[in-house]
Amino acid sequence: MSTRIIAACDGAAKGNPGPAGWAWVIADAHGHPQRWEAGPLGRSTNNVGELTALERLLEELPPGTAAEVRMDSQYAMKAVTQWLPAWKRNGWKTAAGKPVANRELVERIDALLADRDVQFRYVPAHQEDGDHLNAIADQAASDAARTQQPAGTALGAEDLPVPSAPTAAPARRPAPRAPPGGPRA
């Protein structure tokens, strides 16, 4: 029996839509962050950031991998675990008969899930005693979104200081042991 990988992913948008980013983090066998990746999305929505983070994480996991994916996005989790079968049956229409938003991302995630044993676990966001992996993913996604914040744009107190993060290509680094400065919105 293979070991189940523990991972978390998150997306962020500073404005919705606004400058957006995505991130994932994978833990070692002891639950310590092992590696992570994050990147900017340009102007997009939080939902696109959340789905992109999940897609990029699944691309990182080889076919046949067993994983627990921790997420704070009810939308992204329900999209791929609950709503997807009905959307496919209904010709990619919602229950209201409207086209499914972010269909291309959901289809790519569906294909990646087909050959991976993924269990999803909802973790509340921005909790002081919350999931440490989700907090790291949240911070990295927020940092990636902030790198695209136009100069002179007013930021709220929760957005300061503006940390440095990748500005073009996604970052791929060993993960920190704890989120720098704690979780942020």
N, C-alpha and C. Protein backbone atom coordinates (compact mmCIF):
# COMPACT_ATOMS: atom_id res chain seq x y z
N MET A 1 0.85 -1.19 0.00
CA MET A 1 0.00 0.00 0.00
C MET A 1 0.89 1.24 0.00
N SER A 2 0.59 2.19 -0.88
CA SER A 2 1.40 3.39 -0.98
C SER A 2 0.97 4.41 0.08
N THR A 3 1.87 5.28 0.42
CA THR A 3 1.61 6.34 1.38
C THR A 3 0.79 7.42 0.71
N ARG A 4 -0.18 7.94 1.43
CA ARG A 4 -1.01 9.03 0.92
C ARG A 4 -0.27 10.34 1.12
N ILE A 5 -0.08 11.08 0.05
CA ILE A 5 0.56 12.40 0.09
C ILE A 5 -0.43 13.39 0.69
N ILE A 6 0.07 14.28 1.53
CA ILE A 6 -0.75 15.35 2.09
C ILE A 6 -0.35 16.64 1.40
N ALA A 7 -1.33 17.35 0.87
CA ALA A 7 -1.05 18.59 0.15
C ALA A 7 -2.18 19.59 0.40
N ALA A 8 -1.91 20.84 0.10
CA ALA A 8 -2.92 21.89 0.18
C ALA A 8 -2.74 22.79 -1.03
N CYS A 9 -3.83 23.44 -1.43
CA CYS A 9 -3.75 24.40 -2.52
C CYS A 9 -4.71 25.54 -2.24
N ASP A 10 -4.40 26.70 -2.83
CA ASP A 10 -5.22 27.88 -2.61
C ASP A 10 -5.03 28.85 -3.75
N GLY A 11 -6.02 29.69 -3.94
CA GLY A 11 -5.97 30.76 -4.92
C GLY A 11 -6.30 32.06 -4.24
N ALA A 12 -5.97 33.16 -4.90
CA ALA A 12 -6.24 34.48 -4.33
C ALA A 12 -6.48 35.47 -5.46
N ALA A 13 -7.32 36.46 -5.18
CA ALA A 13 -7.53 37.58 -6.09
C ALA A 13 -7.66 38.83 -5.24
N LYS A 14 -6.92 39.86 -5.59
CA LYS A 14 -6.97 41.13 -4.88
C LYS A 14 -7.95 42.03 -5.62
N GLY A 15 -9.21 41.86 -5.28
CA GLY A 15 -10.34 42.37 -6.04
C GLY A 15 -10.90 41.13 -6.72
N ASN A 16 -12.13 41.13 -7.09
CA ASN A 16 -12.69 39.91 -7.68
C ASN A 16 -13.60 40.27 -8.84
N PRO A 17 -13.05 40.43 -10.05
CA PRO A 17 -11.70 40.07 -10.46
C PRO A 17 -10.68 41.14 -10.07
N GLY A 18 -9.43 40.72 -10.13
CA GLY A 18 -8.31 41.59 -9.83
C GLY A 18 -7.04 40.80 -10.02
N PRO A 19 -5.90 41.36 -9.61
CA PRO A 19 -4.65 40.60 -9.69
C PRO A 19 -4.82 39.29 -8.91
N ALA A 20 -4.50 38.17 -9.56
CA ALA A 20 -4.78 36.87 -8.96
C ALA A 20 -3.53 35.99 -8.97
N GLY A 21 -3.55 35.00 -8.09
CA GLY A 21 -2.45 34.05 -8.01
C GLY A 21 -2.94 32.70 -7.53
N TRP A 22 -2.07 31.72 -7.59
CA TRP A 22 -2.38 30.35 -7.18
C TRP A 22 -1.15 29.78 -6.47
N ALA A 23 -1.37 28.74 -5.65
CA ALA A 23 -0.24 28.08 -4.98
C ALA A 23 -0.66 26.71 -4.47
N TRP A 24 0.34 25.83 -4.37
CA TRP A 24 0.14 24.53 -3.72
C TRP A 24 1.36 24.23 -2.88
N VAL A 25 1.18 23.35 -1.88
CA VAL A 25 2.27 22.90 -1.02
C VAL A 25 2.07 21.42 -0.75
N ILE A 26 3.17 20.67 -0.75
CA ILE A 26 3.15 19.23 -0.48
C ILE A 26 3.99 18.99 0.77
N ALA A 27 3.45 18.17 1.68
CA ALA A 27 4.14 17.85 2.93
C ALA A 27 4.92 16.55 2.82
N ASP A 28 5.90 16.39 3.70
CA ASP A 28 6.62 15.12 3.78
C ASP A 28 5.79 14.15 4.63
N ALA A 29 6.32 12.97 4.89
CA ALA A 29 5.58 11.94 5.62
C ALA A 29 5.20 12.36 7.04
N HIS A 30 5.88 13.36 7.57
CA HIS A 30 5.60 13.83 8.93
C HIS A 30 4.68 15.05 8.95
N GLY A 31 4.20 15.46 7.79
CA GLY A 31 3.31 16.61 7.71
C GLY A 31 4.03 17.95 7.61
N HIS A 32 5.34 17.93 7.46
CA HIS A 32 6.10 19.17 7.32
C HIS A 32 6.15 19.58 5.85
N PRO A 33 5.97 20.86 5.57
CA PRO A 33 6.03 21.32 4.18
C PRO A 33 7.34 20.90 3.52
N GLN A 34 7.23 20.29 2.36
CA GLN A 34 8.40 19.78 1.65
C GLN A 34 8.74 20.64 0.45
N ARG A 35 7.74 20.92 -0.39
CA ARG A 35 7.96 21.76 -1.56
C ARG A 35 6.66 22.47 -1.92
N TRP A 36 6.80 23.56 -2.66
CA TRP A 36 5.63 24.32 -3.06
C TRP A 36 5.89 25.01 -4.39
N GLU A 37 4.80 25.46 -4.97
CA GLU A 37 4.88 26.21 -6.21
C GLU A 37 3.78 27.26 -6.18
N ALA A 38 4.05 28.41 -6.77
CA ALA A 38 3.08 29.50 -6.81
C ALA A 38 3.30 30.31 -8.07
N GLY A 39 2.28 31.01 -8.51
CA GLY A 39 2.44 31.85 -9.68
C GLY A 39 1.31 32.84 -9.85
N PRO A 40 1.56 33.88 -10.62
CA PRO A 40 0.54 34.90 -10.91
C PRO A 40 -0.38 34.46 -12.04
N LEU A 41 -1.57 35.01 -12.05
CA LEU A 41 -2.56 34.71 -13.10
C LEU A 41 -2.97 35.93 -13.90
N GLY A 42 -2.42 37.08 -13.62
CA GLY A 42 -2.92 38.29 -14.26
C GLY A 42 -4.22 38.69 -13.59
N ARG A 43 -5.09 39.32 -14.32
CA ARG A 43 -6.39 39.73 -13.76
C ARG A 43 -7.36 38.57 -13.90
N SER A 44 -7.86 38.10 -12.77
CA SER A 44 -8.77 36.97 -12.78
C SER A 44 -9.60 36.96 -11.50
N THR A 45 -10.35 35.89 -11.29
CA THR A 45 -11.20 35.77 -10.11
C THR A 45 -10.58 34.82 -9.09
N ASN A 46 -11.08 34.89 -7.88
CA ASN A 46 -10.64 33.98 -6.84
C ASN A 46 -10.95 32.53 -7.23
N ASN A 47 -12.13 32.28 -7.82
CA ASN A 47 -12.48 30.92 -8.22
C ASN A 47 -11.50 30.35 -9.25
N VAL A 48 -11.07 31.17 -10.19
CA VAL A 48 -10.08 30.71 -11.17
C VAL A 48 -8.76 30.42 -10.46
N GLY A 49 -8.38 31.25 -9.49
CA GLY A 49 -7.17 31.00 -8.72
C GLY A 49 -7.25 29.69 -7.97
N GLU A 50 -8.38 29.41 -7.35
CA GLU A 50 -8.57 28.17 -6.59
C GLU A 50 -8.49 26.95 -7.52
N LEU A 51 -9.19 27.00 -8.65
CA LEU A 51 -9.17 25.87 -9.58
C LEU A 51 -7.79 25.69 -10.22
N THR A 52 -7.11 26.80 -10.54
CA THR A 52 -5.77 26.71 -11.12
C THR A 52 -4.81 26.06 -10.13
N ALA A 53 -4.91 26.44 -8.86
CA ALA A 53 -4.05 25.84 -7.84
C ALA A 53 -4.26 24.33 -7.77
N LEU A 54 -5.51 23.90 -7.82
CA LEU A 54 -5.81 22.46 -7.80
C LEU A 54 -5.28 21.78 -9.05
N GLU A 55 -5.48 22.38 -10.20
CA GLU A 55 -4.98 21.79 -11.44
C GLU A 55 -3.46 21.64 -11.40
N ARG A 56 -2.76 22.69 -10.99
CA ARG A 56 -1.30 22.65 -10.95
C ARG A 56 -0.80 21.62 -9.94
N LEU A 57 -1.48 21.50 -8.81
CA LEU A 57 -1.10 20.48 -7.83
C LEU A 57 -1.27 19.08 -8.41
N LEU A 58 -2.41 18.83 -9.05
CA LEU A 58 -2.66 17.50 -9.63
C LEU A 58 -1.66 17.19 -10.73
N GLU A 59 -1.25 18.19 -11.51
CA GLU A 59 -0.22 17.97 -12.53
C GLU A 59 1.10 17.55 -11.90
N GLU A 60 1.36 18.02 -10.71
CA GLU A 60 2.60 17.68 -10.01
C GLU A 60 2.59 16.23 -9.49
N LEU A 61 1.42 15.71 -9.20
CA LEU A 61 1.30 14.36 -8.65
C LEU A 61 1.27 13.34 -9.78
N PRO A 62 2.19 12.37 -9.77
CA PRO A 62 2.21 11.37 -10.84
C PRO A 62 0.92 10.55 -10.86
N PRO A 63 0.53 10.05 -12.04
CA PRO A 63 -0.62 9.14 -12.11
C PRO A 63 -0.44 8.00 -11.11
N GLY A 64 -1.53 7.59 -10.50
CA GLY A 64 -1.50 6.52 -9.51
C GLY A 64 -1.25 7.00 -8.10
N THR A 65 -0.97 8.28 -7.93
CA THR A 65 -0.70 8.83 -6.61
C THR A 65 -1.96 8.85 -5.76
N ALA A 66 -1.80 8.51 -4.49
CA ALA A 66 -2.87 8.67 -3.50
C ALA A 66 -2.56 9.95 -2.73
N ALA A 67 -3.55 10.84 -2.63
CA ALA A 67 -3.30 12.13 -1.97
C ALA A 67 -4.52 12.60 -1.21
N GLU A 68 -4.25 13.31 -0.13
CA GLU A 68 -5.28 14.09 0.57
C GLU A 68 -5.01 15.54 0.21
N VAL A 69 -6.00 16.21 -0.38
CA VAL A 69 -5.85 17.61 -0.78
C VAL A 69 -6.71 18.46 0.14
N ARG A 70 -6.06 19.35 0.85
CA ARG A 70 -6.74 20.26 1.77
C ARG A 70 -7.00 21.57 1.05
N MET A 71 -8.25 22.04 1.16
CA MET A 71 -8.64 23.27 0.48
C MET A 71 -9.59 24.07 1.37
N ASP A 72 -9.54 25.39 1.21
CA ASP A 72 -10.50 26.22 1.92
C ASP A 72 -11.59 26.75 0.98
N SER A 73 -11.60 26.27 -0.25
CA SER A 73 -12.58 26.71 -1.23
C SER A 73 -13.70 25.69 -1.38
N GLN A 74 -14.86 26.03 -0.84
CA GLN A 74 -16.04 25.17 -1.04
C GLN A 74 -16.37 25.08 -2.52
N TYR A 75 -16.26 26.20 -3.24
CA TYR A 75 -16.58 26.22 -4.67
C TYR A 75 -15.73 25.21 -5.44
N ALA A 76 -14.41 25.30 -5.31
CA ALA A 76 -13.53 24.42 -6.09
C ALA A 76 -13.75 22.96 -5.70
N MET A 77 -13.90 22.70 -4.42
CA MET A 77 -14.08 21.33 -3.98
C MET A 77 -15.41 20.75 -4.48
N LYS A 78 -16.48 21.51 -4.32
CA LYS A 78 -17.79 21.01 -4.78
C LYS A 78 -17.85 20.90 -6.30
N ALA A 79 -17.17 21.81 -7.00
CA ALA A 79 -17.17 21.77 -8.46
C ALA A 79 -16.67 20.43 -8.97
N VAL A 80 -15.60 19.89 -8.35
CA VAL A 80 -15.00 18.66 -8.86
C VAL A 80 -15.46 17.39 -8.14
N THR A 81 -16.17 17.53 -7.02
CA THR A 81 -16.63 16.34 -6.30
C THR A 81 -18.14 16.14 -6.35
N GLN A 82 -18.91 17.22 -6.39
CA GLN A 82 -20.36 17.11 -6.35
C GLN A 82 -21.05 17.52 -7.64
N TRP A 83 -20.69 18.67 -8.16
CA TRP A 83 -21.42 19.23 -9.30
C TRP A 83 -20.99 18.65 -10.64
N LEU A 84 -19.74 18.22 -10.76
CA LEU A 84 -19.19 17.75 -12.03
C LEU A 84 -20.02 16.67 -12.71
N PRO A 85 -20.44 15.61 -12.03
CA PRO A 85 -21.22 14.57 -12.72
C PRO A 85 -22.51 15.12 -13.36
N ALA A 86 -23.20 16.00 -12.66
CA ALA A 86 -24.43 16.57 -13.21
C ALA A 86 -24.12 17.50 -14.38
N TRP A 87 -23.06 18.28 -14.28
CA TRP A 87 -22.68 19.17 -15.38
C TRP A 87 -22.40 18.36 -16.64
N LYS A 88 -21.71 17.25 -16.50
CA LYS A 88 -21.40 16.42 -17.66
C LYS A 88 -22.69 15.81 -18.24
N ARG A 89 -23.56 15.33 -17.38
CA ARG A 89 -24.84 14.76 -17.84
C ARG A 89 -25.70 15.80 -18.56
N ASN A 90 -25.63 17.04 -18.07
CA ASN A 90 -26.46 18.12 -18.62
C ASN A 90 -25.77 18.90 -19.74
N GLY A 91 -24.75 18.32 -20.35
CA GLY A 91 -24.08 19.00 -21.47
C GLY A 91 -23.36 20.26 -21.04
N TRP A 92 -22.74 20.23 -19.85
CA TRP A 92 -22.00 21.35 -19.28
C TRP A 92 -22.88 22.58 -19.07
N LYS A 93 -24.07 22.29 -18.57
CA LYS A 93 -25.00 23.34 -18.15
C LYS A 93 -25.26 23.17 -16.66
N THR A 94 -25.47 24.29 -15.97
CA THR A 94 -25.81 24.24 -14.55
C THR A 94 -27.26 23.82 -14.39
N ALA A 95 -27.68 23.64 -13.14
CA ALA A 95 -29.08 23.30 -12.87
C ALA A 95 -30.02 24.38 -13.39
N ALA A 96 -29.53 25.61 -13.46
CA ALA A 96 -30.32 26.73 -13.98
C ALA A 96 -30.27 26.81 -15.51
N GLY A 97 -29.55 25.89 -16.15
CA GLY A 97 -29.47 25.87 -17.60
C GLY A 97 -28.42 26.79 -18.19
N LYS A 98 -27.57 27.38 -17.35
CA LYS A 98 -26.53 28.29 -17.83
C LYS A 98 -25.24 27.52 -18.06
N PRO A 99 -24.38 28.03 -18.93
CA PRO A 99 -23.08 27.37 -19.14
C PRO A 99 -22.27 27.34 -17.84
N VAL A 100 -21.55 26.27 -17.62
CA VAL A 100 -20.70 26.13 -16.44
C VAL A 100 -19.54 27.12 -16.53
N ALA A 101 -19.37 27.89 -15.46
CA ALA A 101 -18.23 28.82 -15.39
C ALA A 101 -16.94 28.02 -15.23
N ASN A 102 -15.90 28.49 -15.83
CA ASN A 102 -14.56 27.88 -15.70
C ASN A 102 -14.53 26.43 -16.19
N ARG A 103 -15.34 26.14 -17.18
CA ARG A 103 -15.48 24.78 -17.69
C ARG A 103 -14.14 24.16 -18.09
N GLU A 104 -13.30 24.91 -18.78
CA GLU A 104 -12.04 24.35 -19.28
C GLU A 104 -11.17 23.87 -18.13
N LEU A 105 -11.10 24.67 -17.06
CA LEU A 105 -10.32 24.26 -15.89
C LEU A 105 -10.92 23.01 -15.25
N VAL A 106 -12.22 22.99 -15.10
CA VAL A 106 -12.89 21.85 -14.47
C VAL A 106 -12.68 20.59 -15.31
N GLU A 107 -12.74 20.70 -16.62
CA GLU A 107 -12.50 19.54 -17.48
C GLU A 107 -11.08 19.01 -17.33
N ARG A 108 -10.10 19.92 -17.27
CA ARG A 108 -8.71 19.48 -17.10
C ARG A 108 -8.51 18.81 -15.74
N ILE A 109 -9.13 19.36 -14.70
CA ILE A 109 -9.04 18.76 -13.37
C ILE A 109 -9.69 17.39 -13.38
N ASP A 110 -10.83 17.27 -14.02
CA ASP A 110 -11.53 15.98 -14.12
C ASP A 110 -10.63 14.92 -14.75
N ALA A 111 -9.93 15.29 -15.82
CA ALA A 111 -9.03 14.35 -16.49
C ALA A 111 -7.87 13.95 -15.57
N LEU A 112 -7.34 14.90 -14.81
CA LEU A 112 -6.24 14.61 -13.90
C LEU A 112 -6.70 13.73 -12.72
N LEU A 113 -7.93 13.91 -12.28
CA LEU A 113 -8.45 13.10 -11.17
C LEU A 113 -8.69 11.66 -11.58
N ALA A 114 -8.87 11.41 -12.86
CA ALA A 114 -9.22 10.07 -13.34
C ALA A 114 -8.17 9.03 -12.98
N ASP A 115 -6.90 9.42 -12.91
CA ASP A 115 -5.87 8.42 -12.61
C ASP A 115 -5.09 8.75 -11.34
N ARG A 116 -5.75 9.44 -10.42
CA ARG A 116 -5.17 9.73 -9.11
C ARG A 116 -6.24 9.45 -8.06
N ASP A 117 -5.83 8.91 -6.92
CA ASP A 117 -6.74 8.61 -5.81
C ASP A 117 -6.72 9.80 -4.86
N VAL A 118 -7.61 10.76 -5.09
CA VAL A 118 -7.59 12.00 -4.32
C VAL A 118 -8.79 12.05 -3.38
N GLN A 119 -8.48 12.32 -2.12
CA GLN A 119 -9.51 12.61 -1.12
C GLN A 119 -9.40 14.09 -0.79
N PHE A 120 -10.53 14.77 -0.81
CA PHE A 120 -10.53 16.19 -0.51
C PHE A 120 -10.93 16.41 0.95
N ARG A 121 -10.28 17.38 1.56
CA ARG A 121 -10.62 17.74 2.95
C ARG A 121 -10.78 19.25 3.02
N TYR A 122 -11.96 19.68 3.44
CA TYR A 122 -12.20 21.11 3.62
C TYR A 122 -11.53 21.58 4.91
N VAL A 123 -10.80 22.68 4.82
CA VAL A 123 -10.20 23.31 5.99
C VAL A 123 -10.61 24.78 5.99
N PRO A 124 -11.12 25.27 7.11
CA PRO A 124 -11.52 26.68 7.16
C PRO A 124 -10.32 27.59 6.93
N ALA A 125 -10.56 28.67 6.22
CA ALA A 125 -9.48 29.63 5.91
C ALA A 125 -9.29 30.60 7.05
N HIS A 126 -8.06 31.10 7.15
CA HIS A 126 -7.71 32.23 8.02
C HIS A 126 -8.07 31.99 9.49
N GLN A 127 -7.83 30.79 9.95
CA GLN A 127 -8.06 30.46 11.36
C GLN A 127 -6.73 30.46 12.09
N GLU A 128 -6.69 31.04 13.28
CA GLU A 128 -5.45 31.11 14.03
C GLU A 128 -4.87 29.73 14.28
N ASP A 129 -5.72 28.77 14.56
CA ASP A 129 -5.24 27.39 14.78
C ASP A 129 -5.61 26.51 13.59
N GLY A 130 -5.66 27.12 12.40
CA GLY A 130 -6.06 26.40 11.19
C GLY A 130 -4.97 25.50 10.63
N ASP A 131 -5.21 24.97 9.47
CA ASP A 131 -4.30 24.05 8.81
C ASP A 131 -3.05 24.78 8.34
N HIS A 132 -1.88 24.34 8.80
CA HIS A 132 -0.64 25.05 8.47
C HIS A 132 -0.28 24.95 6.99
N LEU A 133 -0.61 23.85 6.33
CA LEU A 133 -0.32 23.73 4.90
C LEU A 133 -1.19 24.69 4.10
N ASN A 134 -2.47 24.79 4.47
CA ASN A 134 -3.35 25.72 3.78
C ASN A 134 -2.89 27.16 4.00
N ALA A 135 -2.39 27.47 5.19
CA ALA A 135 -1.90 28.82 5.47
C ALA A 135 -0.71 29.16 4.57
N ILE A 136 0.18 28.20 4.34
CA ILE A 136 1.33 28.43 3.46
C ILE A 136 0.86 28.65 2.02
N ALA A 137 -0.07 27.81 1.56
CA ALA A 137 -0.60 27.98 0.20
C ALA A 137 -1.31 29.32 0.06
N ASP A 138 -2.08 29.70 1.07
CA ASP A 138 -2.79 30.97 1.06
C ASP A 138 -1.80 32.13 0.96
N GLN A 139 -0.75 32.10 1.77
CA GLN A 139 0.24 33.18 1.75
C GLN A 139 0.93 33.26 0.39
N ALA A 140 1.33 32.11 -0.15
CA ALA A 140 2.04 32.10 -1.43
C ALA A 140 1.14 32.60 -2.57
N ALA A 141 -0.14 32.19 -2.58
CA ALA A 141 -1.07 32.66 -3.61
C ALA A 141 -1.30 34.16 -3.49
N SER A 142 -1.46 34.63 -2.26
CA SER A 142 -1.65 36.07 -2.03
C SER A 142 -0.43 36.86 -2.47
N ASP A 143 0.77 36.34 -2.14
CA ASP A 143 2.00 37.01 -2.56
C ASP A 143 2.09 37.08 -4.09
N ALA A 144 1.74 35.98 -4.76
CA ALA A 144 1.78 35.97 -6.23
C ALA A 144 0.79 36.97 -6.81
N ALA A 145 -0.37 37.10 -6.20
CA ALA A 145 -1.35 38.08 -6.67
C ALA A 145 -0.84 39.50 -6.43
N ARG A 146 -0.24 39.73 -5.27
CA ARG A 146 0.25 41.08 -4.93
C ARG A 146 1.36 41.55 -5.86
N THR A 147 2.15 40.64 -6.40
CA THR A 147 3.25 41.06 -7.28
C THR A 147 2.71 41.78 -8.51
N GLN A 148 1.44 41.62 -8.78
CA GLN A 148 0.82 42.23 -9.95
C GLN A 148 0.05 43.49 -9.60
N GLN A 149 0.02 43.84 -8.31
CA GLN A 149 -0.72 45.02 -7.85
C GLN A 149 -0.09 46.25 -8.49
N PRO A 150 -0.87 47.06 -9.21
CA PRO A 150 -0.30 48.25 -9.86
C PRO A 150 0.33 49.19 -8.83
N ALA A 151 1.43 49.83 -9.22
CA ALA A 151 2.09 50.79 -8.34
C ALA A 151 1.12 51.90 -7.97
N GLY A 152 1.16 52.31 -6.72
CA GLY A 152 0.29 53.40 -6.27
C GLY A 152 -1.10 52.95 -5.88
N THR A 153 -1.41 51.67 -6.02
CA THR A 153 -2.73 51.19 -5.63
C THR A 153 -2.80 51.11 -4.12
N ALA A 154 -3.85 51.62 -3.57
CA ALA A 154 -4.02 51.58 -2.12
C ALA A 154 -4.25 50.15 -1.67
N LEU A 155 -3.56 49.77 -0.61
CA LEU A 155 -3.72 48.45 -0.03
C LEU A 155 -4.23 48.62 1.38
N GLY A 156 -5.02 47.67 1.83
CA GLY A 156 -5.49 47.69 3.21
C GLY A 156 -4.38 47.25 4.15
N ALA A 157 -4.59 47.46 5.44
CA ALA A 157 -3.59 47.08 6.44
C ALA A 157 -3.25 45.60 6.35
N GLU A 158 -4.22 44.77 6.00
CA GLU A 158 -3.97 43.34 5.91
C GLU A 158 -3.06 42.99 4.74
N ASP A 159 -2.85 43.92 3.83
CA ASP A 159 -2.01 43.66 2.66
C ASP A 159 -0.56 44.08 2.87
N LEU A 160 -0.23 44.68 4.00
CA LEU A 160 1.12 45.18 4.21
C LEU A 160 1.88 44.27 5.17
N PRO A 161 3.17 44.11 5.06
CA PRO A 161 4.00 44.63 3.99
C PRO A 161 3.83 43.81 2.73
N VAL A 162 4.22 44.39 1.61
CA VAL A 162 4.12 43.68 0.35
C VAL A 162 5.36 42.79 0.22
N PRO A 163 5.20 41.47 0.37
CA PRO A 163 6.36 40.58 0.28
C PRO A 163 6.80 40.37 -1.15
N SER A 164 8.05 39.98 -1.31
CA SER A 164 8.52 39.67 -2.65
C SER A 164 8.09 38.26 -3.01
N ALA A 165 7.74 38.07 -4.26
CA ALA A 165 7.30 36.77 -4.77
C ALA A 165 7.63 36.72 -6.24
N PRO A 166 7.47 35.57 -6.86
CA PRO A 166 7.79 35.48 -8.29
C PRO A 166 6.94 36.42 -9.11
N THR A 167 7.54 37.02 -10.13
CA THR A 167 6.79 37.95 -10.96
C THR A 167 6.50 37.40 -12.35
N ALA A 168 7.17 36.38 -12.76
CA ALA A 168 6.92 35.83 -14.09
C ALA A 168 6.69 34.33 -13.98
N ALA A 169 7.77 33.58 -14.01
CA ALA A 169 7.65 32.13 -13.95
C ALA A 169 7.26 31.71 -12.54
N PRO A 170 6.51 30.62 -12.42
CA PRO A 170 6.14 30.13 -11.09
C PRO A 170 7.37 29.79 -10.27
N ALA A 171 7.26 30.01 -8.97
CA ALA A 171 8.35 29.64 -8.06
C ALA A 171 8.23 28.17 -7.70
N ARG A 172 9.33 27.50 -7.59
CA ARG A 172 9.34 26.10 -7.16
C ARG A 172 10.47 25.99 -6.16
N ARG A 173 10.11 25.90 -4.90
CA ARG A 173 11.10 25.93 -3.84
C ARG A 173 10.73 24.96 -2.74
N PRO A 174 11.72 24.66 -1.89
CA PRO A 174 11.35 23.95 -0.67
C PRO A 174 10.43 24.86 0.13
N ALA A 175 9.45 24.28 0.76
CA ALA A 175 8.48 25.08 1.51
C ALA A 175 9.04 25.50 2.86
N PRO A 176 8.61 26.66 3.34
CA PRO A 176 9.02 27.09 4.67
C PRO A 176 8.34 26.21 5.72
N ARG A 177 8.87 26.19 6.91
CA ARG A 177 8.30 25.40 8.01
C ARG A 177 7.00 26.01 8.52
N ALA A 178 6.86 27.31 8.42
CA ALA A 178 5.65 27.98 8.88
C ALA A 178 5.38 29.14 7.94
N PRO A 179 4.13 29.57 7.80
CA PRO A 179 3.85 30.68 6.89
C PRO A 179 4.52 31.95 7.38
N PRO A 180 5.23 32.67 6.49
CA PRO A 180 5.87 33.91 6.89
C PRO A 180 4.85 34.94 7.32
N GLY A 181 4.95 35.41 8.53
CA GLY A 181 4.03 36.44 9.01
C GLY A 181 2.63 35.93 9.32
N GLY A 182 2.42 34.64 9.26
CA GLY A 182 1.11 34.07 9.53
C GLY A 182 0.19 34.18 8.34
N PRO A 183 -0.96 33.53 8.40
CA PRO A 183 -1.90 33.55 7.27
C PRO A 183 -2.46 34.95 7.05
N ARG A 184 -2.71 35.25 5.79
CA ARG A 184 -3.30 36.54 5.40
C ARG A 184 -4.41 36.31 4.41
N ALA A 185 -5.24 37.33 4.27
CA ALA A 185 -6.34 37.25 3.30
C ALA A 185 -5.83 37.46 1.91
